[in-house]
Protein backbone atom coordinates (compact mmCIF):
# COMPACT_ATOMS: atom_id res chain seq x y z
CA MET A 1 -12.01 -17.50 -47.27
CA GLY A 2 -15.71 -18.25 -47.81
CA ASP A 3 -19.19 -17.38 -46.67
CA ASN A 4 -20.17 -20.80 -45.29
CA GLY A 5 -19.28 -24.45 -45.24
CA ALA A 6 -19.38 -26.74 -48.28
CA SER A 7 -22.82 -26.95 -49.86
CA ALA A 8 -25.01 -30.06 -49.52
CA GLU A 9 -27.64 -28.73 -51.92
CA GLY A 10 -26.64 -31.23 -54.60
CA GLY A 11 -28.67 -33.98 -52.99
CA LEU A 12 -27.66 -37.51 -52.10
CA ASN A 13 -26.84 -38.39 -55.73
CA GLY A 14 -25.42 -35.07 -56.83
CA CYS A 15 -27.20 -33.21 -59.62
CA PHE A 16 -26.64 -32.04 -63.18
CA ASN A 17 -28.67 -28.89 -62.56
CA GLU A 18 -28.73 -27.52 -59.01
CA LEU A 19 -31.89 -25.55 -59.81
CA THR A 20 -33.91 -28.76 -59.67
CA VAL A 21 -33.05 -29.09 -55.98
CA LEU A 22 -33.55 -25.39 -55.24
CA ASN A 23 -37.02 -25.63 -56.79
CA GLY A 24 -37.82 -28.59 -54.54
CA MET A 25 -37.90 -30.91 -57.57
CA GLY A 26 -34.62 -32.80 -57.31
CA ALA A 27 -36.44 -36.08 -58.01
CA VAL A 28 -36.88 -35.13 -61.69
CA GLU A 29 -33.18 -35.93 -62.14
CA THR A 30 -33.34 -39.70 -61.88
CA PRO A 31 -30.18 -41.82 -61.56
CA GLU A 32 -30.76 -42.85 -65.18
CA PHE A 33 -30.83 -39.20 -66.27
CA LEU A 34 -27.66 -38.44 -64.31
CA MET A 35 -25.86 -41.38 -65.90
CA SER A 36 -26.91 -40.17 -69.35
CA LYS A 37 -25.21 -36.83 -68.59
CA VAL A 38 -22.02 -38.19 -67.01
CA ASP A 39 -19.83 -37.02 -69.91
CA ASP A 40 -21.36 -33.52 -69.79
CA PHE A 41 -20.64 -32.78 -66.13
CA GLY A 42 -18.38 -29.74 -65.85
CA GLY A 43 -19.28 -28.57 -69.36
CA THR A 44 -21.03 -25.46 -70.60
CA GLU A 45 -24.48 -27.06 -70.46
CA ALA A 46 -24.13 -28.22 -66.85
CA TYR A 47 -25.04 -26.48 -63.61
CA ASN A 48 -23.85 -29.46 -61.65
CA HIS A 49 -23.29 -29.91 -57.95
CA PHE A 50 -21.45 -32.55 -55.96
CA ALA A 51 -23.28 -35.02 -53.71
CA VAL A 52 -23.90 -34.61 -49.98
CA GLY A 53 -21.07 -36.96 -49.03
CA TRP A 54 -18.48 -34.66 -50.56
CA ALA A 55 -19.90 -31.68 -48.66
CA HIS A 56 -19.50 -33.49 -45.35
CA ALA A 57 -15.97 -34.56 -46.29
CA MET A 58 -14.96 -31.01 -47.17
CA ASP A 59 -16.29 -29.69 -43.86
CA THR A 60 -14.21 -32.11 -41.80
CA PRO A 61 -13.59 -31.95 -38.83
CA TYR A 62 -16.81 -30.03 -38.29
CA GLN A 63 -20.37 -31.36 -38.36
CA TRP A 64 -22.85 -30.54 -41.10
CA THR A 65 -22.70 -28.17 -44.07
CA LYS A 66 -23.89 -24.92 -45.62
CA GLN A 67 -27.41 -23.88 -44.49
CA VAL A 68 -26.89 -25.63 -41.15
CA ALA A 69 -26.01 -22.48 -39.24
CA SER A 70 -26.17 -24.32 -35.94
CA HIS A 71 -22.96 -26.28 -36.43
CA TRP A 72 -19.48 -25.08 -37.39
CA GLY A 73 -19.51 -27.14 -40.58
CA GLY A 74 -22.12 -24.71 -41.87
CA THR A 75 -20.44 -21.49 -40.78
CA ARG A 76 -16.81 -21.63 -39.70
CA ASN A 77 -14.16 -20.23 -42.03
CA GLY A 78 -10.66 -18.93 -41.68
CA THR A 79 -9.79 -15.29 -42.39
CA ILE A 80 -6.58 -13.84 -43.79
CA VAL A 81 -5.68 -10.27 -42.83
CA HIS A 82 -2.81 -8.55 -44.68
CA TRP A 83 -1.72 -5.01 -43.76
CA PRO A 84 2.10 -4.62 -43.79
CA ASN A 85 2.04 -0.95 -42.77
CA GLY A 86 -0.41 -1.46 -39.94
CA ILE A 87 0.40 -4.86 -38.41
CA GLN A 88 3.79 -5.44 -36.84
CA SER A 89 3.33 -9.20 -36.38
CA ARG A 90 4.15 -11.43 -39.34
CA GLY A 91 2.74 -14.85 -40.17
CA GLY A 92 0.90 -15.25 -36.90
CA ILE A 93 -2.28 -17.12 -36.09
CA ARG A 94 -5.11 -15.66 -34.04
CA SER A 95 -7.78 -17.74 -32.33
CA GLN A 96 -10.07 -15.03 -30.94
CA PHE A 97 -13.71 -15.56 -31.88
CA HIS A 98 -15.02 -13.21 -34.55
CA HIS A 99 -17.87 -13.04 -37.04
CA VAL A 100 -18.33 -11.57 -40.52
CA ILE A 101 -20.11 -8.58 -38.97
CA ASP A 102 -16.76 -7.59 -37.44
CA ILE A 103 -15.14 -6.76 -40.79
CA ALA A 104 -16.76 -3.33 -41.21
CA PRO A 105 -15.84 -2.13 -37.68
CA THR A 106 -12.27 -3.34 -38.26
CA ILE A 107 -11.92 -1.38 -41.50
CA LEU A 108 -13.40 1.74 -39.91
CA GLU A 109 -10.99 1.55 -36.98
CA ALA A 110 -8.03 0.92 -39.27
CA ALA A 111 -9.01 3.96 -41.34
CA ALA A 112 -9.61 6.05 -38.18
CA LEU A 113 -13.17 6.72 -39.29
CA PRO A 114 -16.21 6.98 -37.02
CA GLN A 115 -19.12 4.65 -37.56
CA PRO A 116 -21.77 6.45 -39.66
CA VAL A 117 -24.76 7.82 -37.80
CA PHE A 118 -26.51 9.53 -40.74
CA VAL A 119 -26.10 8.85 -44.46
CA ASN A 120 -27.78 11.30 -46.86
CA GLY A 121 -30.05 12.39 -44.02
CA ALA A 122 -31.13 8.87 -43.08
CA GLN A 123 -30.32 7.66 -39.58
CA GLN A 124 -28.34 4.43 -39.62
CA ALA A 125 -28.82 1.38 -37.41
CA PRO A 126 -25.77 0.90 -35.19
CA ILE A 127 -23.08 -1.44 -36.51
CA GLU A 128 -23.35 -4.64 -34.51
CA GLY A 129 -19.84 -6.03 -34.87
CA VAL A 130 -16.60 -5.67 -32.91
CA SER A 131 -13.31 -4.52 -34.43
CA MET A 132 -10.61 -7.20 -34.67
CA MET A 133 -7.72 -4.74 -34.55
CA TYR A 134 -7.00 -5.38 -30.87
CA SER A 135 -5.82 -8.90 -31.77
CA PHE A 136 -3.47 -8.03 -34.65
CA ASP A 137 -0.41 -7.42 -32.48
CA ASP A 138 -1.55 -9.31 -29.39
CA ALA A 139 -2.13 -13.01 -29.92
CA GLU A 140 -3.11 -13.48 -26.27
CA ALA A 141 -5.65 -10.64 -26.09
CA PRO A 142 -8.95 -11.76 -24.52
CA ASP A 143 -11.90 -12.12 -26.88
CA ARG A 144 -14.05 -9.02 -27.32
CA HIS A 145 -16.78 -10.66 -29.42
CA GLU A 146 -18.24 -12.86 -26.69
CA THR A 147 -21.77 -13.59 -27.92
CA GLN A 148 -23.10 -14.43 -31.37
CA TYR A 149 -26.37 -15.99 -32.53
CA PHE A 150 -26.72 -18.05 -35.74
CA GLU A 151 -29.86 -18.87 -37.72
CA MET A 152 -30.69 -20.08 -41.23
CA VAL A 153 -33.94 -21.79 -42.23
CA CYS A 154 -34.42 -22.27 -38.49
CA ASN A 155 -31.16 -24.15 -37.96
CA ARG A 156 -29.98 -22.08 -35.04
CA GLY A 157 -27.25 -21.76 -32.49
CA ILE A 158 -25.68 -19.46 -29.95
CA TYR A 159 -22.03 -18.88 -29.08
CA HIS A 160 -21.17 -17.38 -25.70
CA LYS A 161 -17.68 -17.23 -24.19
CA GLY A 162 -16.56 -20.45 -25.84
CA TRP A 163 -19.75 -22.42 -25.22
CA THR A 164 -22.13 -23.30 -28.08
CA ALA A 165 -25.74 -24.48 -27.89
CA VAL A 166 -27.11 -25.59 -31.25
CA THR A 167 -30.09 -27.29 -32.87
CA ARG A 168 -30.59 -28.49 -36.44
CA HIS A 169 -34.16 -28.02 -37.67
CA SER A 170 -33.91 -28.73 -41.40
CA ILE A 171 -31.67 -30.57 -43.85
CA PRO A 172 -30.21 -28.74 -46.90
CA TRP A 173 -30.98 -31.38 -49.52
CA MET A 174 -34.56 -31.99 -48.31
CA MET A 175 -36.16 -28.88 -49.77
CA GLY A 176 -39.77 -30.03 -49.69
CA GLY A 177 -42.05 -31.75 -47.23
CA LYS A 178 -43.38 -30.80 -43.83
CA MET A 179 -40.97 -29.45 -41.25
CA PRO A 180 -41.01 -30.74 -37.65
CA SER A 181 -42.38 -28.48 -34.95
CA PHE A 182 -39.86 -26.33 -33.11
CA ASP A 183 -40.66 -28.22 -29.93
CA GLU A 184 -39.24 -31.37 -31.55
CA ASP A 185 -35.84 -29.79 -32.20
CA VAL A 186 -33.10 -31.36 -30.10
CA TRP A 187 -30.54 -28.97 -28.64
CA GLU A 188 -26.88 -29.91 -28.23
CA LEU A 189 -24.26 -28.33 -25.97
CA TYR A 190 -20.52 -28.07 -26.60
CA GLY A 191 -17.89 -26.74 -24.21
CA PRO A 192 -15.07 -24.21 -24.72
CA ASP A 193 -12.48 -27.00 -25.04
CA ASP A 194 -14.43 -28.70 -27.86
CA TRP A 195 -13.80 -26.54 -30.93
CA THR A 196 -14.89 -29.33 -33.31
CA GLN A 197 -18.24 -29.73 -31.53
CA SER A 198 -17.68 -33.48 -31.18
CA ARG A 199 -18.82 -34.11 -27.58
CA ASN A 200 -22.44 -33.24 -26.85
CA THR A 201 -22.73 -32.49 -23.10
CA ALA A 202 -26.40 -31.43 -23.02
CA LYS A 203 -27.42 -34.26 -20.67
CA GLU A 204 -24.53 -33.64 -18.29
CA ASN A 205 -25.06 -29.88 -18.08
CA PRO A 206 -28.78 -29.05 -18.52
CA LYS A 207 -28.57 -25.74 -16.63
CA LYS A 208 -25.88 -24.42 -18.96
CA LEU A 209 -27.95 -25.49 -21.94
CA GLN A 210 -31.03 -23.69 -20.59
CA GLU A 211 -28.95 -20.58 -20.00
CA LEU A 212 -27.76 -20.54 -23.61
CA GLN A 213 -31.20 -21.35 -25.03
CA ARG A 214 -32.56 -18.33 -23.19
CA LEU A 215 -29.68 -16.23 -24.49
CA PHE A 216 -30.49 -17.30 -28.05
CA LEU A 217 -34.07 -16.05 -27.66
CA ILE A 218 -32.81 -12.73 -26.28
CA GLU A 219 -30.42 -12.28 -29.21
CA ALA A 220 -33.02 -13.48 -31.74
CA ALA A 221 -35.56 -10.95 -30.48
CA LYS A 222 -32.94 -8.19 -30.44
CA TYR A 223 -31.84 -8.79 -34.06
CA ASN A 224 -35.24 -9.49 -35.65
CA VAL A 225 -34.79 -13.22 -36.14
CA LEU A 226 -38.28 -13.80 -34.72
CA PRO A 227 -40.78 -14.97 -35.78
CA LEU A 228 -39.02 -18.07 -37.08
CA ASP A 229 -40.06 -19.07 -40.61
CA ASP A 230 -39.12 -22.62 -41.62
CA ARG A 231 -40.56 -22.57 -45.14
CA ARG A 232 -37.75 -23.47 -47.50
CA VAL A 233 -38.45 -23.55 -51.24
CA GLU A 234 -41.47 -21.27 -50.87
CA ARG A 235 -39.28 -18.40 -49.63
CA LEU A 236 -37.68 -18.21 -53.08
CA ASN A 237 -41.02 -17.14 -54.56
CA ALA A 238 -42.31 -13.78 -53.35
CA ASP A 239 -45.93 -14.74 -54.10
CA LEU A 240 -45.74 -17.68 -51.72
CA ALA A 241 -43.45 -16.11 -49.14
CA GLY A 242 -45.69 -13.10 -48.68
CA ARG A 243 -42.74 -10.71 -48.85
CA PRO A 244 -42.47 -7.41 -50.72
CA GLN A 245 -41.49 -7.51 -54.40
CA LEU A 246 -39.41 -5.05 -56.38
CA ILE A 247 -42.04 -5.04 -59.15
CA ARG A 248 -45.58 -4.60 -57.94
CA GLY A 249 -48.84 -4.99 -59.80
CA ASN A 250 -49.82 -7.19 -62.72
CA THR A 251 -47.95 -5.59 -65.59
CA GLN A 252 -44.41 -4.57 -66.53
CA ILE A 253 -42.99 -2.83 -69.60
CA LEU A 254 -39.44 -3.36 -70.87
CA PHE A 255 -37.77 -1.54 -73.73
CA GLY A 256 -35.39 -2.52 -76.47
CA GLY A 257 -31.78 -2.64 -75.32
CA MET A 258 -32.61 -3.49 -71.72
CA GLY A 259 -30.71 -6.51 -70.51
CA ARG A 260 -29.02 -8.34 -67.65
CA LEU A 261 -32.16 -7.81 -65.57
CA THR A 262 -32.03 -10.11 -62.56
CA GLU A 263 -34.84 -12.59 -62.03
CA HIS A 264 -36.29 -10.76 -59.04
CA SER A 265 -36.49 -7.50 -61.01
CA ILE A 266 -39.06 -9.09 -63.33
CA VAL A 267 -42.69 -9.54 -62.32
CA VAL A 268 -43.24 -13.10 -61.03
CA MET A 269 -44.75 -15.18 -63.84
CA LYS A 270 -44.47 -18.61 -62.23
CA ASN A 271 -47.49 -20.77 -61.35
CA LYS A 272 -49.94 -18.46 -63.09
CA SER A 273 -51.32 -17.35 -66.45
CA TYR A 274 -49.69 -14.47 -68.30
CA SER A 275 -49.03 -12.92 -71.69
CA VAL A 276 -45.92 -11.41 -73.27
CA THR A 277 -46.52 -8.78 -75.98
CA ALA A 278 -43.79 -7.12 -78.03
CA GLU A 279 -43.78 -4.41 -80.67
CA ILE A 280 -41.11 -5.24 -83.21
CA GLN A 281 -39.86 -3.86 -86.51
CA VAL A 282 -39.01 -6.51 -89.07
CA PRO A 283 -36.55 -5.50 -91.81
CA GLU A 284 -37.87 -5.30 -95.39
CA LYS A 285 -35.20 -7.46 -97.01
CA ASN A 286 -34.64 -10.13 -94.38
CA ALA A 287 -36.90 -12.56 -92.57
CA ALA A 288 -37.25 -11.98 -88.82
CA ASN A 289 -34.57 -13.77 -86.82
CA GLY A 290 -33.26 -13.61 -83.26
CA VAL A 291 -34.36 -13.19 -79.68
CA ILE A 292 -37.15 -10.74 -78.92
CA VAL A 293 -37.14 -11.34 -75.16
CA ALA A 294 -35.80 -14.17 -72.99
CA GLN A 295 -35.47 -14.99 -69.32
CA GLY A 296 -33.24 -17.63 -67.77
CA GLY A 297 -30.90 -19.83 -69.77
CA SER A 298 -29.90 -23.37 -70.61
CA VAL A 299 -30.79 -24.65 -67.11
CA GLY A 300 -34.32 -23.25 -67.25
CA GLY A 301 -36.29 -20.32 -68.61
CA TRP A 302 -38.36 -19.10 -71.55
CA SER A 303 -37.78 -17.25 -74.79
CA LEU A 304 -39.90 -15.47 -77.40
CA TYR A 305 -37.93 -15.28 -80.64
CA ALA A 306 -38.00 -15.68 -84.41
CA VAL A 307 -36.40 -18.25 -86.71
CA ASP A 308 -36.56 -17.86 -90.51
CA GLY A 309 -39.43 -15.43 -90.17
CA LYS A 310 -41.55 -17.65 -87.89
CA LEU A 311 -42.48 -16.56 -84.35
CA LYS A 312 -41.41 -19.15 -81.78
CA HIS A 313 -41.69 -19.70 -78.05
CA CYS A 314 -39.56 -22.08 -76.02
CA TYR A 315 -40.09 -23.11 -72.41
CA ASN A 316 -37.01 -24.81 -71.00
CA PHE A 317 -37.80 -27.13 -68.07
CA PHE A 318 -34.50 -27.44 -66.14
CA GLY A 319 -32.66 -28.28 -69.37
CA ILE A 320 -34.30 -31.72 -69.15
CA LYS A 321 -37.04 -30.96 -71.67
CA ARG A 322 -37.90 -28.04 -73.94
CA PHE A 323 -41.43 -27.25 -75.10
CA TYR A 324 -41.65 -25.38 -78.44
CA THR A 325 -44.52 -23.53 -80.08
CA GLU A 326 -44.12 -22.12 -83.61
CA SER A 327 -46.30 -19.87 -85.74
CA LYS A 328 -47.81 -21.29 -88.91
CA GLN A 329 -46.94 -18.14 -90.87
CA ALA A 330 -44.07 -15.70 -91.02
CA ILE A 331 -44.01 -12.27 -89.41
CA PRO A 332 -44.42 -9.73 -92.23
CA ALA A 333 -41.94 -6.91 -92.77
CA GLY A 334 -42.69 -3.67 -90.96
CA THR A 335 -43.93 -2.82 -87.46
CA HIS A 336 -46.07 -5.45 -85.74
CA GLN A 337 -47.17 -6.61 -82.35
CA VAL A 338 -46.44 -10.23 -81.53
CA ARG A 339 -47.75 -11.96 -78.44
CA MET A 340 -47.66 -15.24 -76.58
CA GLU A 341 -50.30 -16.19 -74.06
CA PHE A 342 -49.86 -18.87 -71.43
CA LYS A 343 -52.96 -20.29 -69.74
CA TYR A 344 -51.87 -22.09 -66.58
CA ASP A 345 -53.63 -25.36 -65.73
CA GLY A 346 -53.90 -24.45 -62.05
CA GLY A 347 -54.28 -26.91 -59.22
CA GLY A 348 -50.94 -26.30 -57.52
CA LEU A 349 -47.31 -25.54 -58.22
CA ALA A 350 -45.23 -26.47 -61.28
CA LYS A 351 -48.20 -27.39 -63.47
CA GLY A 352 -48.33 -27.00 -67.23
CA GLY A 353 -50.55 -25.02 -69.53
CA LYS A 354 -51.51 -24.01 -73.04
CA VAL A 355 -49.52 -21.61 -75.25
CA ASN A 356 -51.02 -19.45 -78.00
CA LEU A 357 -49.08 -17.22 -80.41
CA TYR A 358 -50.43 -14.11 -82.14
CA ILE A 359 -49.19 -11.75 -84.84
CA GLY A 360 -51.09 -8.49 -85.09
CA GLY A 361 -53.80 -9.91 -82.83
CA LYS A 362 -54.46 -12.91 -85.07
CA PRO A 363 -53.83 -16.44 -83.78
CA VAL A 364 -50.97 -18.10 -85.63
CA GLY A 365 -49.92 -21.07 -83.47
CA GLU A 366 -50.62 -23.07 -80.38
CA GLY A 367 -48.82 -25.59 -78.21
CA ARG A 368 -48.48 -26.96 -74.73
CA ILE A 369 -46.04 -26.86 -71.83
CA ASP A 370 -46.37 -30.03 -69.76
CA GLN A 371 -44.56 -28.81 -66.63
CA THR A 372 -43.07 -25.56 -65.32
CA GLN A 373 -40.48 -24.43 -62.78
CA PRO A 374 -42.27 -23.19 -59.67
CA MET A 375 -39.72 -21.04 -57.85
CA LEU A 376 -36.83 -19.76 -59.96
CA PHE A 377 -35.18 -20.30 -63.32
CA SER A 378 -31.59 -19.60 -62.42
CA ALA A 379 -29.25 -18.25 -59.78
CA ASP A 380 -27.34 -16.04 -62.21
CA GLU A 381 -29.06 -15.84 -65.64
CA THR A 382 -31.11 -12.78 -66.48
CA CYS A 383 -33.90 -11.29 -68.60
CA ASP A 384 -32.81 -9.63 -71.86
CA VAL A 385 -34.62 -7.72 -74.59
CA GLY A 386 -33.49 -7.94 -78.23
CA LYS A 387 -30.85 -10.63 -77.55
CA GLN A 388 -29.86 -13.18 -74.92
CA TYR A 389 -26.62 -12.42 -73.10
CA GLY A 390 -26.07 -15.63 -71.17
CA SER A 391 -26.62 -19.24 -72.15
CA ALA A 392 -29.40 -19.98 -74.63
CA VAL A 393 -32.87 -21.04 -73.51
CA ALA A 394 -33.66 -22.67 -76.86
CA GLU A 395 -31.63 -25.10 -78.93
CA ASP A 396 -32.21 -23.40 -82.29
CA TYR A 397 -30.12 -20.31 -81.55
CA GLY A 398 -26.71 -20.00 -80.00
CA THR A 399 -25.15 -18.09 -77.13
CA ARG A 400 -23.68 -15.64 -79.66
CA GLY A 401 -25.16 -13.98 -82.70
CA ASN A 402 -28.73 -14.32 -81.38
CA GLU A 403 -29.61 -10.60 -81.62
CA PHE A 404 -32.95 -9.78 -83.21
CA ASN A 405 -32.21 -8.55 -86.71
CA GLY A 406 -34.80 -5.78 -86.55
CA ASP A 407 -35.82 -3.55 -83.65
CA VAL A 408 -37.67 -4.41 -80.46
CA ASN A 409 -39.49 -1.24 -79.43
CA TRP A 410 -41.01 -2.57 -76.22
CA VAL A 411 -42.11 -5.71 -74.40
CA GLN A 412 -45.06 -5.87 -72.00
CA ILE A 413 -45.66 -8.68 -69.52
CA ASP A 414 -49.22 -8.96 -68.21
CA LEU A 415 -50.36 -11.32 -65.46
CA GLU A 416 -53.85 -12.67 -65.27
CA LYS A 417 -55.39 -10.97 -62.25
CA ASP A 418 -55.55 -13.00 -59.02
CA ASP A 419 -54.64 -16.14 -60.94
CA GLN A 420 -52.34 -17.35 -58.17
CA ASN A 421 -55.08 -17.64 -55.53
CA HIS A 422 -55.25 -21.40 -56.09
CA LEU A 423 -51.68 -21.75 -54.79
CA ILE A 424 -52.26 -20.62 -51.22
CA ALA A 425 -54.60 -22.34 -48.79
CA PRO A 426 -56.71 -20.09 -46.53
CA GLU A 427 -54.75 -21.28 -43.47
CA GLU A 428 -51.44 -20.36 -45.10
CA ARG A 429 -52.77 -16.97 -46.21
CA PHE A 430 -53.80 -16.24 -42.62
CA ARG A 431 -50.41 -17.36 -41.27
CA VAL A 432 -48.57 -15.08 -43.72
CA ALA A 433 -50.82 -12.15 -42.88
CA MET A 434 -50.24 -12.56 -39.15
CA ALA A 435 -46.48 -12.86 -39.65
CA LEU A 436 -46.45 -9.49 -41.38
CA GLN A 437 -48.18 -7.67 -38.51
């Protein structure tokens, strides 16, 4: 019925654009800004999210919310199983403990299929779950899934034979700031008769708590949870997280007709200097119009496009403000290279920078972006060449009919080499390097 509890990522006030919170910049949406958008909530321009209070209400009777994997409010969901030809019982309720990892073993057992050992010559890790089929026609069958760890952004817990030991390390709507040390985390203990986790018995039963804390570490080591990493917003940006990227290096080439490319399949351009060059063919009888290349959408992103023959660039900062740069002259008919260059100010995350536009290598316009999005543009918008498929980054073209009226032969994105070094302190670089050992 879901993958987690209700989300508290909207912040204490709620938000018009959830991406502000996910970028660690929820404060840019002031109460005054939210009030100015009150009639637009739920509309096509909104990416709104309810406030924290609603998340807690929707997770009643459990504590906490999505991201807080320690408590049932963050994880517990019901499951509906329907199989008329395989289950004799009808309309029953089962209370055995199970986890999402048990779905695959259940389907394999129902289909009388063995768990895969090799797939296309590659040895598979063993499936970790337990089939639920034993419970379908036996409501009183003893639990077979007796132990399960939980962890998300270092909110962690352990379930074992009805008991749960849990500790909350971070808060979903507080995406920035320094995290407490793990030694400061306070563990709670709940008994088998307390399915709502309402009576913390840690003080009354310290030995049981210690037993479960030790069991969590065993399970965490077994399933590669360690080392714990409590960075939050930074983990959304591969440069800062120190994790592998799909696109490596400092350059990427896209071709006309490519589209619906997810954000993480494009080289990371955030918090650094870069250029975007495109070879286009402008029709003889019509001025250049339409999107050459765009990434993101109405809630944040950038676009290189043409309007009435002029080359334009738009940087959309969370839908709150758009920064435009326009060429002083039109793009001539025929085949030409057009380019925008962004020179990042440096000095940290989310800074601004200077924009320059070129046609055939000649400067034709300049502008400025005052602030940028540091981590991600969108959770579901994409990068498109020759048109924009989703919502529009800029206000001077629509969500439909924005195709470039000529041809886009190719687009090349080039990053300025080692430009992101200013973002990572030596201590952080060392910590990341050691974590990857």
